[in-house]
Protein backbone atom coordinates (compact mmCIF):
# COMPACT_ATOMS: atom_id res chain seq x y z
CA MET A 1 0.76 0.57 1.23
CA LEU A 2 4.09 1.87 0.13
CA MET A 3 4.80 3.02 -3.36
CA ARG A 4 8.58 2.59 -3.45
CA ARG A 5 11.08 1.34 -0.90
CA ILE A 6 13.46 4.17 0.15
CA LEU A 7 15.63 2.47 2.77
CA ALA A 8 16.86 -1.02 3.50
CA CYS A 9 14.10 -2.98 5.10
CA VAL A 10 15.93 -5.48 7.33
CA ALA A 11 19.57 -4.98 8.14
CA ALA A 12 20.30 -8.68 8.08
CA ALA A 13 18.25 -9.48 4.98
CA SER A 14 19.29 -12.76 3.33
CA VAL A 15 19.22 -13.08 -0.41
CA ALA A 16 19.07 -16.81 0.08
CA ALA A 17 15.75 -16.51 1.77
CA SER A 18 14.12 -14.22 -0.76
CA LEU A 19 14.98 -14.20 -4.42
CA VAL A 20 17.84 -16.42 -5.52
CA ALA A 21 20.02 -19.31 -4.45
CA PRO A 22 22.88 -18.43 -2.04
CA ALA A 23 26.30 -17.44 -3.29
CA VAL A 24 28.79 -20.31 -3.67
CA ALA A 25 32.52 -20.71 -3.75
CA ALA A 26 34.50 -20.91 -6.95
CA ASP A 27 34.77 -24.70 -6.69
CA ALA A 28 31.01 -25.12 -6.10
CA PRO A 29 28.92 -27.44 -8.31
CA ALA A 30 27.57 -26.20 -11.62
CA PRO A 31 24.54 -23.95 -11.43
CA ALA A 32 22.12 -26.78 -12.14
CA GLU A 33 23.45 -28.61 -9.07
CA ARG A 34 23.36 -25.70 -6.62
CA ALA A 35 21.13 -26.10 -3.59
CA ARG A 36 17.93 -24.12 -3.83
CA PRO A 37 16.39 -22.32 -0.89
CA GLU A 38 14.57 -24.75 1.37
CA ARG A 39 10.91 -25.31 0.54
CA LEU A 40 8.38 -23.71 2.87
CA PRO A 41 6.72 -25.97 5.42
CA ALA A 42 3.17 -27.39 5.26
CA GLU A 43 0.31 -25.21 6.38
CA ALA A 44 -0.08 -24.72 10.13
CA SER A 45 -3.04 -23.40 12.11
CA VAL A 46 -4.19 -22.40 15.59
CA ARG A 47 -7.64 -21.78 17.07
CA GLN A 48 -8.20 -18.27 18.47
CA SER A 49 -10.95 -15.83 19.49
CA LEU A 50 -11.42 -12.13 19.00
CA ARG A 51 -13.41 -9.75 21.18
CA PHE A 52 -14.83 -6.62 19.49
CA ALA A 53 -15.49 -3.26 21.08
CA SER A 54 -19.19 -4.10 21.07
CA GLY A 55 -18.48 -7.01 23.43
CA LYS A 56 -19.13 -9.64 20.75
CA THR A 57 -16.68 -12.59 20.69
CA LEU A 58 -15.77 -14.37 17.41
CA ASN A 59 -14.02 -17.72 17.26
CA TYR A 60 -11.76 -18.32 14.28
CA THR A 61 -8.79 -20.29 12.96
CA ALA A 62 -5.54 -18.62 12.00
CA TYR A 63 -3.57 -20.30 9.17
CA ALA A 64 -0.05 -19.77 7.74
CA GLY A 65 1.14 -21.60 4.66
CA ALA A 66 2.26 -21.23 1.06
CA LEU A 67 1.06 -21.98 -2.45
CA PRO A 68 3.32 -23.12 -5.28
CA VAL A 69 3.79 -21.07 -8.46
CA LYS A 70 4.52 -23.34 -11.45
CA ASP A 71 5.93 -22.60 -14.88
CA LYS A 72 4.39 -23.88 -18.13
CA ASP A 73 6.15 -27.21 -17.67
CA GLY A 74 4.68 -27.76 -14.22
CA GLU A 75 7.92 -27.01 -12.36
CA VAL A 76 7.61 -25.12 -9.05
CA ILE A 77 9.46 -21.84 -9.57
CA ALA A 78 8.27 -20.04 -6.42
CA GLU A 79 6.14 -20.27 -3.34
CA VAL A 80 3.78 -17.52 -2.16
CA ALA A 81 3.26 -17.34 1.56
CA TYR A 82 -0.07 -16.28 3.10
CA THR A 83 -1.85 -15.90 6.38
CA ALA A 84 -5.58 -16.59 6.52
CA PHE A 85 -8.23 -16.07 9.17
CA ILE A 86 -11.42 -18.08 8.86
CA ALA A 87 -14.33 -17.60 11.24
CA ASP A 88 -16.19 -20.56 12.67
CA GLY A 89 -19.41 -21.55 11.01
CA GLU A 90 -20.75 -21.87 7.50
CA HIS A 91 -18.16 -20.75 4.92
CA VAL A 92 -19.69 -21.01 1.45
CA GLY A 93 -21.94 -17.96 1.72
CA ARG A 94 -19.54 -15.94 3.81
CA PRO A 95 -17.39 -13.27 2.01
CA ILE A 96 -13.70 -13.83 1.58
CA THR A 97 -11.28 -10.94 1.15
CA PHE A 98 -7.75 -11.08 -0.33
CA ALA A 99 -5.31 -8.42 0.87
CA PHE A 100 -2.18 -7.03 -0.77
CA ASN A 101 0.26 -4.37 0.23
CA GLY A 102 2.41 -2.35 -2.15
CA GLY A 103 5.97 -1.35 -2.82
CA PRO A 104 6.48 -3.06 -5.11
CA GLY A 105 8.28 -5.15 -2.54
CA ALA A 106 6.01 -4.91 0.48
CA ALA A 107 4.60 -7.89 2.39
CA SER A 108 0.97 -7.77 3.49
CA VAL A 109 1.93 -7.31 7.15
CA TYR A 110 0.81 -3.65 7.21
CA LEU A 111 -2.78 -4.39 6.33
CA ASP A 112 -2.68 -7.57 8.47
CA LEU A 113 -1.39 -6.06 11.72
CA GLY A 114 -2.50 -2.46 11.13
CA LEU A 115 -6.00 -2.36 9.69
CA VAL A 116 -7.80 -5.55 8.63
CA GLY A 117 -6.63 -8.58 10.58
CA PRO A 118 -7.76 -9.83 13.98
CA LYS A 119 -4.47 -8.88 15.61
CA MET A 120 -2.62 -5.57 15.54
CA VAL A 121 0.59 -3.85 16.64
CA ARG A 122 1.22 -0.10 16.91
CA PHE A 123 3.17 1.57 14.13
CA GLY A 124 3.18 4.55 11.81
CA ALA A 125 2.07 7.33 14.20
CA GLN A 126 4.10 10.06 15.83
CA GLY A 127 5.95 8.55 18.79
CA ASP A 128 5.95 4.96 17.45
CA LEU A 129 9.60 3.91 17.53
CA PRO A 130 11.67 1.00 16.21
CA SER A 131 12.19 -0.12 19.81
CA SER A 132 8.47 0.04 20.64
CA ALA A 133 6.93 -3.14 21.98
CA ALA A 134 6.07 -5.57 19.12
CA GLN A 135 3.44 -7.55 21.03
CA VAL A 136 0.23 -8.15 19.10
CA VAL A 137 -3.14 -7.49 20.66
CA ASP A 138 -6.73 -7.96 19.54
CA ASN A 139 -7.89 -5.52 16.83
CA PRO A 140 -11.37 -4.23 17.76
CA ASP A 141 -11.79 -2.86 14.25
CA SER A 142 -10.96 -6.08 12.38
CA TRP A 143 -12.93 -6.88 9.27
CA LEU A 144 -13.12 -10.53 10.36
CA GLU A 145 -16.52 -9.80 11.79
CA PHE A 146 -18.00 -9.63 8.27
CA THR A 147 -15.48 -11.38 6.01
CA ASP A 148 -12.86 -14.13 6.13
CA LEU A 149 -9.36 -12.84 5.29
CA VAL A 150 -6.35 -13.99 3.24
CA PHE A 151 -3.17 -11.89 3.28
CA VAL A 152 -0.88 -12.53 0.32
CA ASP A 153 2.87 -11.87 0.23
CA PRO A 154 4.12 -11.58 -3.35
CA VAL A 155 7.33 -13.34 -4.38
CA GLY A 156 10.37 -11.87 -2.62
CA THR A 157 8.29 -10.39 0.26
CA GLY A 158 7.51 -11.86 3.66
CA PHE A 159 8.60 -15.52 3.58
CA SER A 160 7.69 -15.92 -0.13
CA ARG A 161 10.59 -16.97 -2.34
CA ALA A 162 11.61 -17.83 -5.87
CA TYR A 163 13.41 -21.06 -6.80
CA VAL A 164 14.92 -19.76 -10.08
CA PRO A 165 17.93 -17.52 -10.79
CA GLU A 166 17.54 -13.77 -10.49
CA ASP A 167 17.12 -13.10 -14.21
CA LYS A 168 14.34 -15.69 -14.51
CA ALA A 169 12.68 -14.40 -11.34
CA LYS A 170 12.62 -10.93 -12.75
CA LYS A 171 11.02 -12.10 -15.96
CA ALA A 172 8.46 -14.25 -14.11
CA PHE A 173 7.49 -11.93 -11.24
CA PHE A 174 8.88 -8.40 -11.14
CA GLY A 175 6.85 -6.24 -13.49
CA THR A 176 3.33 -4.92 -13.89
CA GLU A 177 2.02 -7.62 -16.22
CA GLN A 178 3.72 -10.66 -14.71
CA ASP A 179 2.67 -9.53 -11.22
CA ILE A 180 -0.98 -9.66 -12.12
CA LYS A 181 -0.62 -12.95 -14.06
CA TYR A 182 0.77 -15.03 -11.19
CA LEU A 183 -1.06 -13.29 -8.32
CA SER A 184 -4.45 -13.77 -9.97
CA ARG A 185 -3.61 -17.47 -10.20
CA VAL A 186 -2.61 -17.48 -6.52
CA VAL A 187 -6.09 -16.14 -5.65
CA TYR A 188 -7.75 -18.81 -7.87
CA ASP A 189 -5.61 -21.59 -6.42
CA TRP A 190 -6.40 -20.61 -2.78
CA LEU A 191 -10.14 -20.52 -3.55
CA LEU A 192 -9.96 -23.90 -5.29
CA LYS A 193 -7.87 -25.55 -2.55
CA ASN A 194 -10.16 -24.29 0.22
CA GLY A 195 -13.52 -24.88 -1.46
CA ARG A 196 -14.47 -21.17 -1.57
CA MET A 197 -15.26 -20.68 -5.26
CA ALA A 198 -18.91 -20.02 -4.39
CA SER A 199 -18.18 -17.42 -1.71
CA PRO A 200 -18.62 -13.67 -2.38
CA LYS A 201 -15.09 -12.45 -3.17
CA TYR A 202 -13.55 -9.06 -2.31
CA LEU A 203 -10.11 -7.41 -2.65
CA VAL A 204 -8.27 -4.84 -0.54
CA GLY A 205 -4.93 -3.34 -1.48
CA GLU A 206 -2.73 -0.55 -0.14
CA SER A 207 -0.50 1.81 -2.12
CA TYR A 208 0.87 -0.23 -5.05
CA GLY A 209 -1.46 -2.92 -3.81
CA GLY A 210 -4.28 -0.48 -4.65
CA PHE A 211 -2.77 -0.08 -8.10
CA ARG A 212 -2.83 -3.84 -8.46
CA LEU A 213 -6.51 -4.29 -7.57
CA PRO A 214 -8.36 -3.10 -10.72
CA ARG A 215 -5.99 -5.06 -12.95
CA LEU A 216 -6.26 -8.09 -10.67
CA ALA A 217 -10.11 -7.90 -10.59
CA TYR A 218 -10.31 -7.60 -14.39
CA ALA A 219 -7.93 -10.53 -14.89
CA LEU A 220 -9.90 -12.65 -12.46
CA GLN A 221 -13.18 -11.74 -14.18
CA THR A 222 -12.08 -12.30 -17.79
CA GLU A 223 -9.22 -14.82 -17.68
CA LEU A 224 -9.90 -17.09 -14.65
CA GLY A 225 -13.66 -16.85 -14.26
CA VAL A 226 -13.71 -15.38 -10.74
CA GLY A 227 -16.11 -12.56 -10.14
CA ILE A 228 -15.24 -9.81 -7.66
CA TRP A 229 -18.01 -8.27 -5.61
CA GLY A 230 -16.11 -5.26 -4.33
CA MET A 231 -12.76 -3.60 -3.81
CA THR A 232 -11.17 -1.26 -1.30
CA LEU A 233 -8.15 0.70 -2.59
CA VAL A 234 -6.18 2.17 0.35
CA SER A 235 -3.92 5.12 -0.47
CA PRO A 236 -3.44 4.01 -4.10
CA ARG A 237 -1.67 5.62 -6.99
CA LEU A 238 -3.74 4.71 -10.01
CA ASP A 239 -1.75 6.44 -12.73
CA TYR A 240 2.07 6.76 -13.10
CA THR A 241 1.91 8.74 -16.35
CA VAL A 242 2.69 12.44 -16.43
CA PRO A 243 1.80 13.77 -19.91
CA GLY A 244 4.54 16.06 -21.17
CA GLY A 245 6.76 15.38 -18.15
CA ARG A 246 6.97 17.23 -14.82
CA ASP A 247 8.44 20.36 -16.45
CA ILE A 248 5.33 20.89 -18.52
CA SER A 249 2.41 19.13 -16.89
CA PRO A 250 0.72 20.94 -13.96
CA LEU A 251 -0.73 17.69 -12.62
CA PRO A 252 2.08 16.73 -10.15
CA TRP A 253 1.70 20.09 -8.41
CA VAL A 254 -2.09 20.23 -8.66
CA THR A 255 -2.55 16.80 -7.06
CA THR A 256 -0.24 17.41 -4.07
CA LEU A 257 -1.22 20.96 -3.10
CA PRO A 258 -4.44 20.00 -1.24
CA SER A 259 -2.56 17.42 0.92
CA MET A 260 0.14 19.99 1.71
CA ALA A 261 -2.56 22.51 2.70
CA ALA A 262 -4.29 19.83 4.80
CA ALA A 263 -1.00 19.23 6.70
CA ARG A 264 -0.73 22.89 7.55
CA ARG A 265 -4.36 23.12 8.73
CA GLU A 266 -4.01 20.03 10.86
CA ARG A 267 -0.79 21.37 12.36
CA GLU A 268 -2.76 24.45 13.36
CA GLY A 269 -5.22 22.31 15.25
CA LYS A 270 -8.05 22.24 12.75
CA LEU A 271 -10.26 19.10 12.52
CA LEU A 272 -10.15 18.04 8.89
CA THR A 273 -13.25 17.04 6.93
CA ALA A 274 -13.98 17.02 3.24
CA ALA A 275 -15.73 20.35 3.52
CA ASP A 276 -12.57 21.95 4.94
CA MET A 277 -10.68 21.28 1.71
CA VAL A 278 -13.16 22.62 -0.85
CA ASP A 279 -11.41 25.96 -1.26
CA VAL A 280 -7.94 24.66 -1.99
CA GLU A 281 -9.31 21.83 -4.21
CA GLU A 282 -11.22 24.39 -6.31
CA TYR A 283 -8.15 26.61 -6.60
CA ALA A 284 -5.98 23.65 -7.53
CA ARG A 285 -8.14 22.52 -10.40
CA THR A 286 -8.80 26.07 -11.78
CA GLU A 287 -6.58 29.13 -11.25
CA PHE A 288 -3.56 27.15 -10.07
CA MET A 289 -3.56 24.86 -13.07
CA VAL A 290 -3.97 27.78 -15.49
CA ASP A 291 -1.21 29.82 -13.94
CA LEU A 292 1.16 26.86 -13.91
CA LEU A 293 0.56 26.40 -17.61
CA ARG A 294 1.32 30.06 -18.25
CA GLY A 295 4.86 29.27 -17.14
CA ALA A 296 7.98 31.20 -16.19
CA ARG A 297 7.54 33.89 -18.88
CA ASP A 298 4.46 35.32 -17.23
CA PRO A 299 5.69 37.10 -14.07
CA ALA A 300 2.19 37.96 -12.88
CA ALA A 301 1.09 34.32 -13.07
CA LEU A 302 4.26 33.21 -11.28
CA GLU A 303 3.67 35.68 -8.49
CA ARG A 304 0.08 34.54 -8.04
CA VAL A 305 1.26 30.93 -7.77
CA VAL A 306 3.93 31.82 -5.20
CA GLN A 307 1.49 33.77 -3.02
CA HIS A 308 -1.20 31.12 -3.04
CA VAL A 309 1.12 28.18 -2.46
CA ALA A 310 2.84 30.00 0.43
CA GLN A 311 -0.50 30.86 1.93
CA TYR A 312 -1.87 27.30 1.70
CA THR A 313 1.30 25.49 2.85
CA GLY A 314 2.66 27.91 5.41
CA LEU A 315 6.12 27.83 3.86
CA ASP A 316 8.26 30.95 3.61
CA PRO A 317 7.36 32.76 0.33
CA ALA A 318 11.09 33.08 -0.46
CA VAL A 319 11.38 29.27 -0.43
CA VAL A 320 8.26 28.84 -2.53
CA ARG A 321 9.50 31.48 -5.00
CA ARG A 322 12.86 29.69 -5.28
CA TYR A 323 11.00 26.68 -6.70
CA GLY A 324 8.44 28.60 -8.73
CA GLY A 325 5.62 27.35 -6.57
CA ARG A 326 6.37 23.80 -7.68
CA LEU A 327 7.13 21.98 -4.45
CA GLU A 328 8.78 18.59 -4.90
CA LEU A 329 7.82 16.09 -2.18
CA ASN A 330 11.27 15.95 -0.63
CA THR A 331 11.46 19.73 -0.58
CA PHE A 332 8.16 20.06 1.25
CA ALA A 333 9.02 17.26 3.70
CA ARG A 334 12.36 19.03 4.46
CA GLU A 335 10.87 22.49 4.88
CA PHE A 336 7.53 21.90 6.58
CA GLN A 337 8.89 21.28 10.09
CA ARG A 338 12.30 22.84 9.71
CA ASP A 339 11.50 25.35 12.47
CA ARG A 340 11.26 22.38 14.86
CA GLY A 341 14.46 20.74 13.65
CA LEU A 342 12.45 17.92 12.14
CA ILE A 343 12.15 16.33 8.73
CA SER A 344 8.61 15.16 7.77
CA SER A 345 7.48 11.89 6.34
CA ARG A 346 6.10 11.99 2.86
CA TYR A 347 3.60 9.40 3.99
CA ASP A 348 2.18 11.71 6.72
CA VAL A 349 3.63 15.20 6.74
CA ASN A 350 2.75 15.79 10.36
CA VAL A 351 4.83 12.81 11.47
CA GLY A 352 8.47 13.84 11.78
CA ALA A 353 11.91 12.84 13.13
CA TYR A 354 15.05 14.78 13.91
CA ASP A 355 17.02 15.71 10.83
CA PRO A 356 20.52 14.33 11.49
CA PHE A 357 21.98 16.57 8.73
CA PRO A 358 20.04 19.87 8.95
CA TRP A 359 22.71 21.88 7.09
CA SER A 360 23.11 19.49 4.20
CA PRO A 361 21.86 20.92 0.89
CA GLN A 362 20.28 17.56 0.09
CA THR A 363 18.13 15.32 2.28
CA ARG A 364 20.39 12.62 3.74
CA ALA A 365 17.92 11.04 6.13
CA GLY A 366 15.43 8.33 5.40
CA ASP A 367 11.70 8.64 5.74
CA PRO A 368 10.63 8.89 9.40
CA ILE A 369 7.69 6.47 8.99
CA LEU A 370 9.35 3.89 6.68
CA ASP A 371 12.39 3.63 8.94
CA ALA A 372 10.36 3.29 12.11
CA ILE A 373 7.87 0.68 11.03
CA ILE A 374 10.24 -2.07 9.96
CA ALA A 375 11.27 -3.34 13.41
CA PRO A 376 7.88 -3.56 15.16
CA THR A 377 6.05 -5.05 12.17
CA THR A 378 8.73 -7.54 11.31
CA SER A 379 9.26 -8.73 14.86
CA ALA A 380 5.53 -8.94 15.54
CA MET A 381 4.72 -10.83 12.34
CA VAL A 382 7.59 -13.32 12.60
CA ASP A 383 6.72 -14.06 16.24
CA TYR A 384 3.03 -14.49 15.48
CA VAL A 385 3.48 -16.75 12.46
CA THR A 386 6.30 -18.93 13.83
CA ARG A 387 5.49 -19.11 17.53
CA VAL A 388 1.71 -18.55 17.84
CA ILE A 389 0.54 -20.25 14.64
CA GLY A 390 3.49 -22.62 14.64
CA TRP A 391 4.49 -22.23 10.97
CA LYS A 392 8.23 -22.82 11.19
CA ALA A 393 9.40 -21.02 8.06
CA GLU A 394 13.15 -20.43 7.93
CA GLY A 395 15.10 -17.53 6.50
CA SER A 396 14.65 -13.80 6.89
CA TYR A 397 11.23 -12.14 6.66
CA GLN A 398 11.13 -9.32 4.10
CA ALA A 399 8.65 -6.69 5.23
CA LEU A 400 9.94 -4.30 2.56
CA SER A 401 12.31 -5.79 0.04
CA ASP A 402 14.94 -3.67 -1.75
CA ASP A 403 15.73 -6.68 -3.96
CA VAL A 404 12.22 -6.68 -5.37
CA SER A 405 12.14 -2.90 -5.72
CA ASN A 406 15.46 -2.80 -7.53
CA ALA A 407 14.55 -5.73 -9.82
CA TRP A 408 11.16 -4.29 -10.76
CA GLU A 409 10.68 -3.35 -14.44
CA ARG A 410 9.58 0.26 -14.16
CA ASP A 411 6.98 1.41 -16.64
CA ALA A 412 6.43 5.15 -16.92
CA THR A 413 3.15 4.49 -18.75
CA ALA A 414 1.66 2.18 -16.10
CA GLU A 415 -1.85 2.95 -15.02
CA SER A 416 -4.82 0.94 -13.76
CA SER A 417 -7.68 3.43 -14.14
CA THR A 418 -8.46 1.79 -17.51
CA ALA A 419 -8.83 -1.59 -15.79
CA LEU A 420 -10.97 0.02 -13.15
CA ARG A 421 -13.37 1.31 -15.77
CA GLN A 422 -13.46 -2.03 -17.54
CA ALA A 423 -14.06 -4.03 -14.34
CA ILE A 424 -16.97 -1.92 -13.09
CA ALA A 425 -18.54 -1.67 -16.55
CA LEU A 426 -18.46 -5.44 -16.87
CA ASP A 427 -20.07 -5.88 -13.43
CA PRO A 428 -22.33 -2.94 -12.45
CA SER A 429 -23.02 -4.56 -9.04
CA MET A 430 -19.33 -4.25 -8.02
CA LYS A 431 -18.72 -1.53 -5.36
CA VAL A 432 -15.36 0.27 -5.15
CA LEU A 433 -14.10 2.39 -2.28
CA ILE A 434 -10.94 4.49 -2.76
CA VAL A 435 -9.74 5.70 0.59
CA HIS A 436 -6.91 8.10 1.47
CA GLY A 437 -5.45 10.13 4.30
CA PHE A 438 -5.53 13.95 4.07
CA THR A 439 -1.83 14.47 4.90
CA ASP A 440 -0.24 11.88 2.58
CA ILE A 441 1.78 13.59 -0.17
CA GLN A 442 3.29 10.34 -1.49
CA THR A 443 -0.05 9.15 -2.88
CA PRO A 444 -2.23 12.33 -2.61
CA TYR A 445 -5.99 11.91 -2.36
CA PHE A 446 -6.68 14.64 -4.93
CA ALA A 447 -5.07 12.54 -7.66
CA SER A 448 -7.72 9.86 -7.09
CA ARG A 449 -10.40 12.59 -7.05
CA LEU A 450 -9.42 13.84 -10.49
CA ILE A 451 -9.41 10.25 -11.87
CA ILE A 452 -12.81 9.41 -10.36
CA ASP A 453 -14.33 12.57 -11.74
CA GLN A 454 -13.51 11.38 -15.26
CA ILE A 455 -15.20 7.95 -14.89
CA PRO A 456 -18.69 7.82 -16.35
CA PRO A 457 -21.30 7.10 -13.59
CA MET A 458 -22.51 3.91 -15.37
CA ALA A 459 -24.36 2.12 -12.53
CA GLY A 460 -24.51 5.24 -10.40
CA ALA A 461 -22.21 7.72 -8.72
CA ASP A 462 -21.91 5.56 -5.65
CA GLN A 463 -20.37 2.63 -7.55
CA VAL A 464 -16.91 4.23 -7.10
CA ARG A 465 -16.52 6.50 -4.06
CA LEU A 466 -13.61 8.47 -2.60
CA LEU A 467 -13.36 8.79 1.18
CA VAL A 468 -10.64 10.75 2.97
CA TYR A 469 -9.71 10.48 6.65
CA PRO A 470 -7.42 12.33 9.05
CA GLY A 471 -3.95 11.00 8.83
CA GLY A 472 -1.50 10.04 6.10
CA HIS A 473 -0.69 7.05 3.91
CA MET A 474 -1.39 4.72 6.83
CA PHE A 475 -4.15 6.85 8.31
CA TYR A 476 -5.40 3.75 10.09
CA SER A 477 -2.60 4.17 12.60
CA ARG A 478 -5.03 6.72 14.13
CA PRO A 479 -7.75 4.77 15.97
CA ASP A 480 -10.57 7.15 15.05
CA SER A 481 -9.72 6.97 11.34
CA ARG A 482 -9.39 3.18 11.47
CA THR A 483 -12.83 2.86 13.15
CA ALA A 484 -14.44 5.23 10.64
CA MET A 485 -13.01 3.39 7.69
CA ARG A 486 -14.23 0.05 8.99
CA ARG A 487 -17.71 1.46 9.26
CA ASP A 488 -17.57 2.78 5.70
CA VAL A 489 -16.08 -0.45 4.23
CA ARG A 490 -18.77 -2.55 5.91
CA SER A 491 -21.34 -0.89 3.61
CA ILE A 492 -19.99 -2.52 0.42
CA TYR A 493 -20.13 -6.06 1.81
CA ARG A 494 -23.33 -7.94 0.98
């Protein structure tokens, strides 16, 4: 779900429970003798039932447990925690879906308790506060009706933990390539352990989790012999490269302008559909791109950019002119609701919070959504796993881990659109949905549109589809968008 952690995720986060062994006194034993974090407990389960809006009741078992990650010598160097929900009845022919959130450094709690799982808790919408009730309730839009579910927490997130020093953990887990290598093996190991190799297999990932999916699918296909029937990429960023850099390339500004315009139109009370955005999308990919490339030495082009951007976004033309029509995400988030004394979230521009430092030249407040979702999701997930399921894991639960984000090996050339092309070319029956919210400027939908438009149709134009819903990065916090997405996703399951 989340591309990069901005603020601390849990105030009392414990390094001992996440990445490395605890600090020791000067007279402590040698490193080889230091106590490692306690191993995670054996899998626990509880029988439950779910009632859908249609009135149908589904009986299922909820599991919580962990899988070991071993090095080439067979030593356990980490454990990856998961929650799984398995419906009663025949399993072999029933689809199984593996879910991943993003960050890097995010646990899968957001997809679990916000969109896909059988239980849910409110978060991510205007008015949802850190002190809001964290009690889980049935999710009437759960995908459990048509697929079993496994939610995976990468190392350093949730209750997952490494058992090696920080430098070795970084080399083993915290980078684009190593991330795919061990997580693809986790998927394989779960399937093998639970006798589900013959089941139809699907993937869903949010934000950086959506970036993971094409690479994960291709690795499973070609390295581990596990075919993937379909994927749902939720608010992904598929390409981190910016040819020529932001000072030359028009793409950063082209991809975000439609979402900025959508935020203004929604604020004015307009119901957003794909048809409502055709005008600004066409401008963004034609005149806007050309005028941006003309640059600062063409005053007429600069003036056209300023006028159009101000018109589409609703910002003061003087502010737009100050930045040459090139609105950075933080600038737009700061200015969009300034008249209300609010600072907007980059993850949904129409969700805002009071700006505690309105006269500061730089933004000094955290993101209104990221700050507010930590408490309800963490409290709800820990209570559900430890009390309801009875999996007595110890240590802090990392919903969004700064340790992972800071340790991650950043790669300015990282992209997964190549793996997406390779995976669907290898298996023309695979269906891919890429879904976004209109008012998300952190991972704007138009960036995915431009990427999809360059992919050859191969097995048909419907093999990879883009769908956009009212809302932001976590558009599923809006019930109507969550219900609509569930209906659309159901169509790719066979």
